[in-house]
């Protein structure tokens, strides 16, 4: 780490190289467990041919799963991610042995290595995680903005897994002067609200001169400036803001990948879907599938297809209602298929029909879309892309987030879109399949409960 406690890229490179070595050693241990001291030359030669590709794919998986980003992780996260990556890597190793004609690479060694590598890599990652927590410096955060937006920001920092960012000051008025007066008492300023442009620029300049960092919220005004294009005209440089759209050439590639992935997943998931359909039919009166009108690209309506997880009379009296935590309308089987996301599998058919994508903003019902558009004039921008089975908001946000927070995640996804980002979200989705929070529905009790009077009780200096 640097003197200021930052986790530099050099440390990450060392960690990546060490983990590659650990993976290699785990295979050697697995060969020893399988064959003892005398490994058949034919089998080991096949391993030598495949191991280079396995290590490359291993590193790619680690990057896509965010293994080397530790500030927002827990030891439980590290174990779960390690388990998923090594399971996927075992499947890849078996596929490589066929594709590369390394048929003598023993499947038994691959399976043994799954257990051995999980243990070895997890122990190493816990060691690194503990060192990171011990030596990475804590960053003192000053939150600046209106009280109505500052309080939820405090709640988010407090409920976050990270211990690196600690809120120490809150400024509710006279922003520049208060930031100036306490310049030595914090490391980061987080602007939770949109403030006067002149005052904002003065704060920018002050922080740059003092070598302090600035965090901005993800409101529309800031998202507009993400991924700009710089053009030069004679002696002037011009910043062109990018659209909230996916480029046409990438959209064609995305559609092709959607068809391939949906087709493969339908074949793989067909036994699970058959069993689910039988269980629904046996345990609850009504149809196996649930059809509901949703909104996709261009504001067009389509019928989303899901396994029915609620009673057939779920909204007969209440009308359209967003699912909540411990929702009484959910059937016995529905509770389990929702928690494992099995109810979403029929949407693969929607993908093949071109109504949805594998990755994109989750589609909402017209009833809620109309409500949300009245409350936020920029809501229509999420309909510039095809609705998805999973998305940026589902992976990086929480199911319980309000629609504005989800909208911000969706707009970030559109602005930062790439094929690599889609693969990253797809892999991260595997992790959240077992996340109870992200599948439980909106928790009506999980709302920011911090009042202005309680701020000071948290050892936060409140500056009005």
Protein backbone atom coordinates (compact mmCIF):
# COMPACT_ATOMS: atom_id res chain seq x y z
CA UNK A 1 0.00 0.00 0.00
CA UNK A 2 1.00 3.61 -0.42
CA UNK A 3 1.80 5.83 2.54
CA UNK A 4 -1.75 7.10 2.53
CA UNK A 5 -3.07 3.55 2.84
CA UNK A 6 -4.37 3.22 -0.72
CA UNK A 7 -4.57 -0.25 -2.29
CA UNK A 8 -2.41 0.22 -5.41
CA UNK A 9 -2.42 -1.72 -8.66
CA UNK A 10 1.03 -3.10 -7.87
CA UNK A 11 -0.38 -4.87 -4.84
CA UNK A 12 -3.21 -6.26 -6.94
CA UNK A 13 -0.73 -7.58 -9.53
CA UNK A 14 1.24 -9.35 -6.78
CA UNK A 15 -1.99 -10.83 -5.39
CA UNK A 16 -3.11 -12.00 -8.86
CA UNK A 17 0.26 -13.68 -9.47
CA UNK A 18 0.21 -15.32 -6.03
CA UNK A 19 -3.32 -16.65 -6.55
CA UNK A 20 -2.33 -18.09 -9.94
CA UNK A 21 0.54 -19.88 -8.19
CA UNK A 22 -1.82 -21.15 -5.47
CA UNK A 23 -4.17 -22.52 -8.14
CA UNK A 24 -1.26 -24.32 -9.80
CA UNK A 25 -0.13 -25.77 -6.45
CA UNK A 26 -3.69 -26.87 -5.65
CA UNK A 27 -3.66 -28.98 -8.83
CA UNK A 28 -0.34 -30.55 -7.80
CA UNK A 29 -1.85 -31.39 -4.41
CA UNK A 30 -4.89 -32.84 -6.15
CA UNK A 31 -2.70 -35.06 -8.35
CA UNK A 32 -0.89 -36.25 -5.22
CA UNK A 33 -4.20 -37.05 -3.49
CA UNK A 34 -5.39 -38.96 -6.58
CA UNK A 35 -2.20 -40.83 -7.56
CA UNK A 36 0.29 -40.48 -4.72
CA UNK A 37 3.93 -39.78 -5.55
CA UNK A 38 3.89 -41.39 -9.00
CA UNK A 39 1.63 -39.52 -11.40
CA UNK A 40 1.18 -41.16 -14.84
CA UNK A 41 3.15 -39.13 -17.39
CA UNK A 42 0.27 -39.16 -19.87
CA UNK A 43 -2.11 -37.57 -17.35
CA UNK A 44 0.36 -34.92 -16.21
CA UNK A 45 1.24 -33.94 -19.78
CA UNK A 46 -2.45 -33.30 -20.48
CA UNK A 47 -2.58 -31.12 -17.36
CA UNK A 48 0.46 -29.15 -18.53
CA UNK A 49 -1.28 -28.45 -21.84
CA UNK A 50 -4.44 -27.11 -20.19
CA UNK A 51 -3.17 -25.30 -17.08
CA UNK A 52 -2.12 -22.12 -18.89
CA UNK A 53 -5.63 -21.59 -20.27
CA UNK A 54 -7.18 -22.49 -16.93
CA UNK A 55 -5.10 -19.84 -15.13
CA UNK A 56 -6.00 -17.17 -17.71
CA UNK A 57 -9.72 -17.94 -17.36
CA UNK A 58 -9.31 -18.04 -13.57
CA UNK A 59 -7.91 -14.50 -13.55
CA UNK A 60 -10.68 -13.26 -15.89
CA UNK A 61 -13.35 -14.75 -13.60
CA UNK A 62 -11.73 -13.12 -10.56
CA UNK A 63 -11.73 -9.70 -12.23
CA UNK A 64 -15.34 -10.01 -13.40
CA UNK A 65 -16.47 -11.08 -9.92
CA UNK A 66 -14.56 -8.20 -8.31
CA UNK A 67 -12.35 -10.43 -6.14
CA UNK A 68 -9.63 -7.81 -5.91
CA UNK A 69 -11.96 -5.01 -4.78
CA UNK A 70 -12.07 -5.49 -1.02
CA UNK A 71 -13.58 -2.35 0.48
CA UNK A 72 -17.16 -3.59 0.08
CA UNK A 73 -16.57 -7.25 0.91
CA UNK A 74 -16.97 -9.47 3.97
CA UNK A 75 -15.30 -12.82 4.68
CA UNK A 76 -18.60 -14.48 3.85
CA UNK A 77 -18.61 -12.74 0.44
CA UNK A 78 -15.07 -13.95 -0.24
CA UNK A 79 -15.98 -17.55 0.59
CA UNK A 80 -19.10 -17.48 -1.56
CA UNK A 81 -17.31 -15.87 -4.52
CA UNK A 82 -14.43 -18.36 -4.22
CA UNK A 83 -16.89 -21.25 -4.21
CA UNK A 84 -18.72 -19.99 -7.32
CA UNK A 85 -15.56 -19.19 -9.30
CA UNK A 86 -13.94 -22.56 -8.57
CA UNK A 87 -17.16 -24.39 -9.47
CA UNK A 88 -17.31 -22.54 -12.82
CA UNK A 89 -13.59 -23.11 -13.33
CA UNK A 90 -14.02 -26.85 -12.78
CA UNK A 91 -16.64 -26.94 -15.54
CA UNK A 92 -14.34 -24.90 -17.81
CA UNK A 93 -11.40 -27.25 -17.08
CA UNK A 94 -13.50 -30.24 -18.13
CA UNK A 95 -14.63 -28.47 -21.30
CA UNK A 96 -11.04 -27.47 -22.13
CA UNK A 97 -9.88 -31.05 -21.81
CA UNK A 98 -12.24 -31.92 -24.68
CA UNK A 99 -11.79 -28.78 -26.77
CA UNK A 100 -7.99 -28.89 -26.51
CA UNK A 101 -7.83 -32.68 -26.91
CA UNK A 102 -6.21 -33.05 -23.49
CA UNK A 103 -8.45 -36.05 -22.88
CA UNK A 104 -6.00 -37.61 -20.43
CA UNK A 105 -6.58 -34.76 -17.96
CA UNK A 106 -8.38 -36.75 -15.20
CA UNK A 107 -11.89 -35.55 -14.26
CA UNK A 108 -11.25 -36.91 -10.76
CA UNK A 109 -8.33 -34.49 -10.33
CA UNK A 110 -10.55 -31.60 -11.45
CA UNK A 111 -13.19 -32.53 -8.87
CA UNK A 112 -10.62 -33.00 -6.10
CA UNK A 113 -9.07 -29.67 -7.04
CA UNK A 114 -12.43 -27.95 -6.62
CA UNK A 115 -12.35 -28.68 -2.87
CA UNK A 116 -8.60 -28.19 -2.47
CA UNK A 117 -8.48 -24.87 -4.37
CA UNK A 118 -11.49 -23.45 -2.50
CA UNK A 119 -9.74 -24.08 0.83
CA UNK A 120 -6.32 -22.81 -0.25
CA UNK A 121 -7.59 -19.71 -2.05
CA UNK A 122 -10.06 -18.80 0.67
CA UNK A 123 -7.38 -18.98 3.39
CA UNK A 124 -5.11 -16.76 1.30
CA UNK A 125 -7.91 -14.30 0.61
CA UNK A 126 -8.83 -14.08 4.29
CA UNK A 127 -5.17 -13.32 5.05
CA UNK A 128 -5.12 -10.54 2.44
CA UNK A 129 -8.50 -9.26 3.63
CA UNK A 130 -7.27 -9.02 7.23
CA UNK A 131 -4.12 -7.18 6.09
CA UNK A 132 -6.26 -4.82 4.05
CA UNK A 133 -8.54 -4.07 6.99
CA UNK A 134 -5.55 -3.57 9.28
CA UNK A 135 -3.39 -1.33 7.10
CA UNK A 136 -5.82 0.44 4.74
CA UNK A 137 -6.50 3.82 6.27
CA UNK A 138 -10.00 4.86 7.28
CA UNK A 139 -11.39 7.70 5.19
CA UNK A 140 -13.27 10.43 7.05
CA UNK A 141 -16.30 11.57 5.08
CA UNK A 142 -18.04 14.93 5.26
CA UNK A 143 -21.56 14.80 3.81
CA UNK A 144 -22.77 18.09 2.36
CA UNK A 145 -26.32 18.91 1.33
CA UNK A 146 -29.93 19.38 2.32
CA UNK A 147 -31.13 17.60 5.44
CA UNK A 148 -33.69 15.52 3.50
CA UNK A 149 -30.93 14.05 1.30
CA UNK A 150 -28.13 13.96 3.85
CA UNK A 151 -29.97 11.70 6.30
CA UNK A 152 -30.51 8.84 3.80
CA UNK A 153 -26.84 9.19 2.80
CA UNK A 154 -25.79 8.68 6.43
CA UNK A 155 -28.01 5.61 6.56
CA UNK A 156 -26.32 4.17 3.45
CA UNK A 157 -22.81 4.71 4.79
CA UNK A 158 -23.74 3.24 8.17
CA UNK A 159 -25.41 0.14 6.69
CA UNK A 160 -22.61 -0.51 4.19
CA UNK A 161 -20.23 -3.46 4.60
CA UNK A 162 -17.22 -1.22 4.23
CA UNK A 163 -15.46 0.13 7.31
CA UNK A 164 -13.15 2.35 5.26
CA UNK A 165 -15.57 5.27 4.89
CA UNK A 166 -16.68 6.74 8.18
CA UNK A 167 -19.01 9.73 8.30
CA UNK A 168 -17.50 12.27 10.69
CA UNK A 169 -19.14 15.56 9.63
CA UNK A 170 -22.45 16.68 8.18
CA UNK A 171 -22.91 20.16 6.69
CA UNK A 172 -26.47 21.38 6.15
CA UNK A 173 -25.89 25.02 5.09
CA UNK A 174 -23.28 27.64 4.17
CA UNK A 175 -21.49 24.81 2.40
CA UNK A 176 -18.24 26.34 1.12
CA UNK A 177 -17.38 28.23 4.29
CA UNK A 178 -18.04 25.20 6.49
CA UNK A 179 -15.96 22.93 4.24
CA UNK A 180 -13.17 25.50 4.34
CA UNK A 181 -13.32 25.83 8.12
CA UNK A 182 -13.00 22.04 8.63
CA UNK A 183 -10.61 21.26 5.75
CA UNK A 184 -8.21 19.34 8.04
CA UNK A 185 -10.94 17.25 9.66
CA UNK A 186 -11.96 15.05 6.71
CA UNK A 187 -10.58 13.19 3.67
CA UNK A 188 -13.61 13.13 1.39
CA UNK A 189 -16.53 15.45 0.71
CA UNK A 190 -19.72 13.77 -0.50
CA UNK A 191 -22.15 16.16 -2.17
CA UNK A 192 -25.50 14.53 -1.40
CA UNK A 193 -27.50 17.37 -2.95
CA UNK A 194 -27.39 19.58 -6.02
CA UNK A 195 -26.08 22.94 -4.80
CA UNK A 196 -25.46 26.31 -6.43
CA UNK A 197 -22.99 25.88 -9.31
CA UNK A 198 -20.75 28.75 -8.20
CA UNK A 199 -20.45 27.37 -4.68
CA UNK A 200 -19.87 23.86 -6.05
CA UNK A 201 -16.96 25.05 -8.21
CA UNK A 202 -15.41 26.82 -5.22
CA UNK A 203 -15.61 23.57 -3.23
CA UNK A 204 -14.04 21.66 -6.16
CA UNK A 205 -11.12 24.08 -6.28
CA UNK A 206 -10.66 24.00 -2.51
CA UNK A 207 -10.56 20.20 -2.39
CA UNK A 208 -8.09 19.92 -5.29
CA UNK A 209 -5.74 22.39 -3.65
CA UNK A 210 -5.97 20.49 -0.36
CA UNK A 211 -5.54 17.08 -2.07
CA UNK A 212 -8.93 15.89 -0.85
CA UNK A 213 -11.36 13.64 -2.72
CA UNK A 214 -14.86 14.44 -3.90
CA UNK A 215 -17.81 12.04 -4.12
CA UNK A 216 -20.88 13.02 -6.16
CA UNK A 217 -24.34 11.49 -6.02
CA UNK A 218 -25.74 9.65 -9.05
CA UNK A 219 -28.49 12.14 -9.81
CA UNK A 220 -29.28 12.83 -13.46
CA UNK A 221 -27.25 16.06 -13.56
CA UNK A 222 -24.06 14.12 -12.75
CA UNK A 223 -24.86 11.03 -14.84
CA UNK A 224 -25.10 13.19 -17.97
CA UNK A 225 -21.33 13.74 -17.81
CA UNK A 226 -20.42 10.04 -17.62
CA UNK A 227 -18.43 8.72 -20.65
CA UNK A 228 -18.10 12.01 -22.56
CA UNK A 229 -16.49 12.34 -25.97
CA UNK A 230 -13.76 14.99 -26.35
CA UNK A 231 -13.57 16.78 -29.72
CA UNK A 232 -11.08 19.40 -30.89
CA UNK A 233 -12.06 22.31 -33.14
CA UNK A 234 -9.08 24.50 -34.04
CA UNK A 235 -7.86 25.87 -30.70
CA UNK A 236 -10.85 24.73 -28.63
CA UNK A 237 -11.70 21.37 -27.06
CA UNK A 238 -15.37 20.50 -26.75
CA UNK A 239 -17.00 17.96 -24.46
CA UNK A 240 -19.81 16.03 -26.12
CA UNK A 241 -22.12 14.23 -23.70
CA UNK A 242 -22.99 10.66 -24.64
CA UNK A 243 -26.59 9.51 -25.09
CA UNK A 244 -28.44 7.17 -22.78
CA UNK A 245 -28.42 4.56 -25.55
CA UNK A 246 -26.48 1.46 -26.55
CA UNK A 247 -24.59 1.96 -29.86
CA UNK A 248 -26.25 0.15 -32.78
CA UNK A 249 -23.26 -2.13 -33.51
CA UNK A 250 -23.05 -3.26 -29.89
CA UNK A 251 -26.83 -3.74 -29.78
CA UNK A 252 -26.56 -6.25 -32.66
CA UNK A 253 -23.85 -8.21 -30.82
CA UNK A 254 -25.88 -8.06 -27.62
CA UNK A 255 -28.92 -9.52 -29.41
CA UNK A 256 -26.85 -12.36 -30.85
CA UNK A 257 -25.46 -13.23 -27.43
CA UNK A 258 -28.98 -13.07 -25.96
CA UNK A 259 -30.19 -15.72 -28.42
CA UNK A 260 -27.22 -18.01 -27.74
CA UNK A 261 -27.36 -17.67 -23.93
CA UNK A 262 -31.15 -18.01 -23.71
CA UNK A 263 -31.11 -21.12 -25.92
CA UNK A 264 -28.36 -22.81 -23.90
CA UNK A 265 -29.95 -21.92 -20.55
CA UNK A 266 -33.35 -23.20 -21.65
CA UNK A 267 -31.82 -26.58 -22.48
CA UNK A 268 -29.84 -26.72 -19.23
CA UNK A 269 -32.74 -25.52 -17.07
CA UNK A 270 -35.47 -27.63 -18.71
CA UNK A 271 -35.41 -30.38 -16.00
CA UNK A 272 -35.75 -27.74 -13.25
CA UNK A 273 -38.56 -26.03 -15.13
CA UNK A 274 -40.43 -29.32 -15.58
CA UNK A 275 -40.18 -30.18 -11.87
CA UNK A 276 -41.25 -26.64 -10.92
CA UNK A 277 -44.30 -26.80 -13.20
CA UNK A 278 -45.39 -30.13 -11.64
CA UNK A 279 -44.95 -28.82 -8.07
CA UNK A 280 -46.96 -25.66 -8.79
CA UNK A 281 -49.77 -27.67 -10.34
CA UNK A 282 -49.89 -30.13 -7.44
CA UNK A 283 -49.79 -27.58 -4.60
CA UNK A 284 -51.85 -24.62 -5.78
CA UNK A 285 -54.99 -24.25 -7.90
CA UNK A 286 -54.55 -22.24 -11.07
CA UNK A 287 -52.22 -22.07 -14.08
CA UNK A 288 -48.52 -22.97 -13.95
CA UNK A 289 -47.43 -19.79 -15.71
CA UNK A 290 -48.23 -16.21 -14.82
CA UNK A 291 -48.55 -13.66 -17.58
CA UNK A 292 -48.40 -9.95 -16.89
CA UNK A 293 -48.13 -6.86 -19.09
CA UNK A 294 -44.79 -5.09 -18.73
CA UNK A 295 -42.97 -2.25 -20.50
CA UNK A 296 -39.80 -2.79 -22.55
CA UNK A 297 -37.73 -0.80 -25.07
CA UNK A 298 -39.49 2.19 -26.60
CA UNK A 299 -42.30 1.99 -24.06
CA UNK A 300 -43.79 -1.02 -25.84
CA UNK A 301 -45.97 -3.43 -23.90
CA UNK A 302 -45.41 -7.20 -23.81
CA UNK A 303 -46.55 -10.15 -21.71
CA UNK A 304 -43.84 -11.31 -19.35
CA UNK A 305 -43.85 -15.03 -18.60
CA UNK A 306 -43.09 -16.32 -15.09
CA UNK A 307 -43.82 -19.37 -12.98
CA UNK A 308 -46.78 -18.47 -10.78
CA UNK A 309 -45.58 -17.89 -7.19
CA UNK A 310 -48.71 -16.19 -5.78
CA UNK A 311 -52.33 -17.20 -5.40
CA UNK A 312 -54.55 -16.53 -8.41
CA UNK A 313 -56.52 -13.93 -6.41
CA UNK A 314 -53.40 -12.02 -5.27
CA UNK A 315 -54.51 -8.64 -6.65
CA UNK A 316 -58.20 -9.16 -7.20
CA UNK A 317 -59.10 -6.76 -4.38
CA UNK A 318 -55.97 -4.66 -3.83
CA UNK A 319 -55.14 -3.93 -7.47
CA UNK A 320 -51.48 -3.62 -8.58
CA UNK A 321 -49.17 -3.76 -5.54
CA UNK A 322 -45.38 -4.10 -5.40
CA UNK A 323 -44.30 -7.32 -3.66
CA UNK A 324 -43.19 -6.84 -0.06
CA UNK A 325 -41.07 -8.85 2.34
CA UNK A 326 -42.99 -11.81 3.86
CA UNK A 327 -45.81 -11.17 1.36
CA UNK A 328 -48.86 -13.21 2.45
CA UNK A 329 -49.94 -13.66 -1.19
CA UNK A 330 -46.95 -15.92 -1.96
CA UNK A 331 -47.75 -19.64 -2.08
CA UNK A 332 -45.78 -22.33 -0.23
CA UNK A 333 -43.88 -23.39 -3.36
CA UNK A 334 -43.74 -19.78 -4.54
CA UNK A 335 -41.65 -18.82 -1.53
CA UNK A 336 -38.88 -21.19 -2.61
CA UNK A 337 -38.94 -20.59 -6.35
CA UNK A 338 -38.83 -16.82 -5.73
CA UNK A 339 -35.87 -17.10 -3.34
CA UNK A 340 -33.94 -19.16 -5.92
CA UNK A 341 -35.18 -17.03 -8.88
CA UNK A 342 -36.62 -20.13 -10.54
CA UNK A 343 -39.83 -18.18 -11.19
CA UNK A 344 -37.86 -16.02 -13.64
CA UNK A 345 -36.71 -18.89 -15.90
CA UNK A 346 -39.68 -18.74 -18.34
CA UNK A 347 -38.50 -15.24 -19.26
CA UNK A 348 -35.84 -16.95 -21.37
CA UNK A 349 -38.70 -17.44 -23.85
CA UNK A 350 -39.33 -13.68 -23.79
CA UNK A 351 -35.65 -13.21 -24.62
CA UNK A 352 -35.84 -15.55 -27.62
CA UNK A 353 -38.93 -13.68 -28.85
CA UNK A 354 -36.98 -10.40 -28.72
CA UNK A 355 -39.16 -8.83 -26.03
CA UNK A 356 -36.41 -8.88 -23.41
CA UNK A 357 -32.62 -9.13 -23.11
CA UNK A 358 -30.60 -11.26 -20.72
CA UNK A 359 -29.20 -8.07 -19.15
CA UNK A 360 -31.06 -4.77 -18.82
CA UNK A 361 -33.40 -2.76 -16.60
CA UNK A 362 -36.09 -4.91 -15.02
CA UNK A 363 -39.45 -4.33 -16.77
CA UNK A 364 -42.21 -2.65 -14.77
CA UNK A 365 -45.98 -2.71 -15.20
CA UNK A 366 -47.67 0.20 -17.02
CA UNK A 367 -49.47 1.15 -13.79
CA UNK A 368 -46.19 1.76 -11.97
CA UNK A 369 -44.38 3.20 -15.00
CA UNK A 370 -47.01 5.95 -15.22
CA UNK A 371 -46.59 6.70 -11.52
CA UNK A 372 -42.79 6.77 -11.69
CA UNK A 373 -42.74 9.00 -14.78
CA UNK A 374 -44.92 11.55 -13.00
CA UNK A 375 -42.46 11.61 -10.11
CA UNK A 376 -39.26 11.56 -12.18
CA UNK A 377 -39.19 13.15 -15.68
CA UNK A 378 -36.09 11.14 -16.64
CA UNK A 379 -37.66 7.73 -16.01
CA UNK A 380 -38.36 7.22 -19.73
CA UNK A 381 -34.60 6.93 -20.42
CA UNK A 382 -34.46 3.39 -19.02
CA UNK A 383 -36.75 2.40 -21.91
CA UNK A 384 -34.03 3.31 -24.43
CA UNK A 385 -32.79 -0.28 -24.02
CA UNK A 386 -34.47 -3.67 -23.91
CA UNK A 387 -35.75 -4.79 -20.50
CA UNK A 388 -33.69 -7.58 -18.94
CA UNK A 389 -34.00 -10.71 -16.81
CA UNK A 390 -31.26 -9.35 -14.57
CA UNK A 391 -29.49 -6.01 -14.50
CA UNK A 392 -27.10 -3.56 -12.91
CA UNK A 393 -29.62 -2.55 -10.24
CA UNK A 394 -30.23 -6.18 -9.23
CA UNK A 395 -26.50 -6.91 -8.85
CA UNK A 396 -25.20 -3.69 -7.29
CA UNK A 397 -28.30 -2.32 -5.62
CA UNK A 398 -30.89 -3.87 -3.35
CA UNK A 399 -34.31 -5.24 -4.17
CA UNK A 400 -35.67 -2.94 -1.48
CA UNK A 401 -34.31 0.21 -3.11
CA UNK A 402 -36.88 2.80 -4.18
CA UNK A 403 -37.52 3.37 -7.87
CA UNK A 404 -35.26 6.46 -8.04
CA UNK A 405 -32.27 4.48 -6.77
CA UNK A 406 -33.00 1.68 -9.24
CA UNK A 407 -33.35 4.24 -12.03
CA UNK A 408 -29.90 5.65 -11.23
CA UNK A 409 -28.39 2.16 -11.46
CA UNK A 410 -30.16 1.55 -14.78
CA UNK A 411 -28.91 4.83 -16.23
CA UNK A 412 -25.37 4.06 -15.09
CA UNK A 413 -25.64 0.70 -16.88
CA UNK A 414 -26.74 2.36 -20.13
CA UNK A 415 -24.03 5.02 -19.93
CA UNK A 416 -21.25 2.53 -19.15
CA UNK A 417 -22.52 -0.24 -21.41
CA UNK A 418 -20.11 -2.79 -22.85
CA UNK A 419 -20.25 -6.49 -23.67
CA UNK A 420 -17.78 -7.07 -20.81
CA UNK A 421 -20.15 -5.29 -18.40
CA UNK A 422 -22.95 -7.64 -19.48
CA UNK A 423 -20.78 -10.69 -18.77
CA UNK A 424 -19.80 -9.23 -15.41
CA UNK A 425 -23.45 -8.67 -14.43
CA UNK A 426 -24.38 -12.17 -15.63
CA UNK A 427 -21.69 -13.77 -13.46
CA UNK A 428 -22.50 -11.54 -10.47
CA UNK A 429 -26.13 -12.63 -10.79
CA UNK A 430 -25.07 -16.16 -9.82
CA UNK A 431 -23.94 -14.76 -6.49
CA UNK A 432 -27.18 -12.93 -5.71
CA UNK A 433 -29.30 -15.98 -6.49
CA UNK A 434 -28.74 -16.95 -2.86
CA UNK A 435 -29.02 -13.46 -1.41
CA UNK A 436 -32.18 -13.36 0.71
CA UNK A 437 -32.28 -9.56 0.73
CA UNK A 438 -32.39 -9.28 -3.04
CA UNK A 439 -35.21 -11.77 -3.43
CA UNK A 440 -37.47 -10.96 -0.50
CA UNK A 441 -39.31 -7.93 -1.90
CA UNK A 442 -39.49 -4.42 -0.52
CA UNK A 443 -38.94 -4.33 3.23
CA UNK A 444 -41.26 -1.59 4.40
CA UNK A 445 -39.45 -1.35 7.72
CA UNK A 446 -36.03 -0.91 6.17
CA UNK A 447 -36.17 2.84 5.73
CA UNK A 448 -33.68 5.45 6.90
CA UNK A 449 -34.58 6.01 10.54
CA UNK A 450 -31.90 8.60 11.28
CA UNK A 451 -33.13 11.95 12.53
CA UNK A 452 -31.14 15.17 12.81
CA UNK A 453 -31.07 14.77 16.60
CA UNK A 454 -29.63 11.26 16.33
CA UNK A 455 -26.77 12.31 14.06
CA UNK A 456 -24.71 13.77 16.89
CA UNK A 457 -25.29 10.63 18.96
CA UNK A 458 -23.34 8.75 16.25
CA UNK A 459 -20.23 10.85 16.99
CA UNK A 460 -20.89 12.87 13.83
CA UNK A 461 -20.30 16.61 13.97
CA UNK A 462 -23.43 18.34 12.75
CA UNK A 463 -22.82 21.75 11.18
CA UNK A 464 -25.88 23.84 10.36
